[in-house]
Every structure is written in structure tokens, then in C-alpha cells.
Protein backbone atom coordinates (compact mmCIF):
# COMPACT_ATOMS: atom_id res chain seq x y z
CA MET A 1 44.25 106.04 138.95
CA SER A 2 43.12 103.83 137.05
CA GLY A 3 45.17 101.90 133.58
CA PRO A 4 47.91 98.92 133.93
CA SER A 5 50.25 101.10 135.86
CA SER A 6 47.53 101.09 138.99
CA ARG A 7 47.61 97.66 139.76
CA ARG A 8 49.22 95.76 142.92
CA ARG A 9 51.88 93.70 142.33
CA SER A 10 53.08 90.97 144.80
CA LEU A 11 56.44 91.49 146.87
CA ALA A 12 58.26 88.84 144.68
CA ALA A 13 57.23 90.34 141.26
CA VAL A 14 58.45 93.99 142.85
CA PHE A 15 61.79 92.36 143.57
CA ALA A 16 62.90 89.75 141.31
CA VAL A 17 64.78 91.78 138.86
CA PRO A 18 66.40 93.87 141.51
CA GLY A 19 67.23 91.23 143.37
CA ALA A 20 68.48 88.54 140.07
CA LEU A 21 70.12 91.95 139.53
CA ALA A 22 72.11 91.71 143.15
CA VAL A 23 72.62 87.86 142.83
CA ILE A 24 74.77 88.04 139.22
CA THR A 25 76.41 91.20 140.53
CA LEU A 26 77.73 89.32 143.70
CA ALA A 27 78.34 86.30 141.96
CA GLY A 28 80.44 88.03 139.32
CA LEU A 29 82.66 90.05 141.90
CA PRO A 30 85.03 87.07 143.36
CA VAL A 31 84.66 85.51 139.40
CA ALA A 32 86.67 88.49 138.42
CA LEU A 33 89.11 87.55 140.98
CA ALA A 34 89.85 84.42 140.35
CA GLY A 35 91.67 84.71 136.93
CA GLY A 36 91.57 85.67 133.65
CA GLY A 37 90.17 84.09 130.43
CA ALA A 38 86.65 82.69 130.60
CA HIS A 39 86.64 84.20 134.31
CA GLY A 40 87.37 87.63 132.95
CA ALA A 41 84.72 86.96 130.23
CA ALA A 42 81.88 85.76 132.70
CA SER A 43 82.87 88.69 135.08
CA TRP A 44 82.40 91.28 132.70
CA LEU A 45 78.94 89.68 131.78
CA ALA A 46 77.90 89.34 135.15
CA LEU A 47 79.38 92.82 136.11
CA GLY A 48 77.84 94.21 132.81
CA ALA A 49 74.26 93.04 133.40
CA PRO A 50 72.93 96.50 136.04
CA VAL A 51 74.64 98.47 133.44
CA ALA A 52 72.45 96.85 130.63
CA ALA A 53 69.51 96.91 133.06
CA VAL A 54 69.29 100.64 133.58
CA LEU A 55 70.33 101.28 129.79
CA PHE A 56 67.31 99.06 128.87
CA ALA A 57 64.92 100.78 131.26
CA TRP A 58 66.17 103.69 130.46
CA ALA A 59 65.28 103.27 126.66
CA ARG A 60 62.23 101.81 127.21
CA ARG A 61 61.22 104.57 129.38
CA ARG A 62 61.71 107.57 126.75
CA ARG A 63 59.73 105.58 124.31
């Protein structure tokens, strides 16, 4: 295979985005339990990040 998709990427490059999403999600779970108001908004953003990433990847793949 040749082309941009056949290049080798480091382990850090492969797992950077999934790792960041995991950290954001795990941080959002206790924030959601902490209370309402600003905590609620922060938890919605944190817990919505993986969904947004999947939708972004899905839309990009369909092009």
C-alpha cells in the first residue's frame, strides 16, 4: 500500500485523541455529580465530547 494512510505513526500519535477524550469524560463524571449551574454546563460539555468526536469522524468519513 502506498499513500498517506500507509505511513507509520507513533503510539502517542495514535492514542492522543482517545486518551484526551477519556480524561475529559472521566473528569466530567464527578463534575456532573458535584452540582448544578456551572458544574452542570461543564459536565454536559465534558460528557458530550466523545459524542461530538464520533459525529465529527463519521461526517468526515462520509465525504
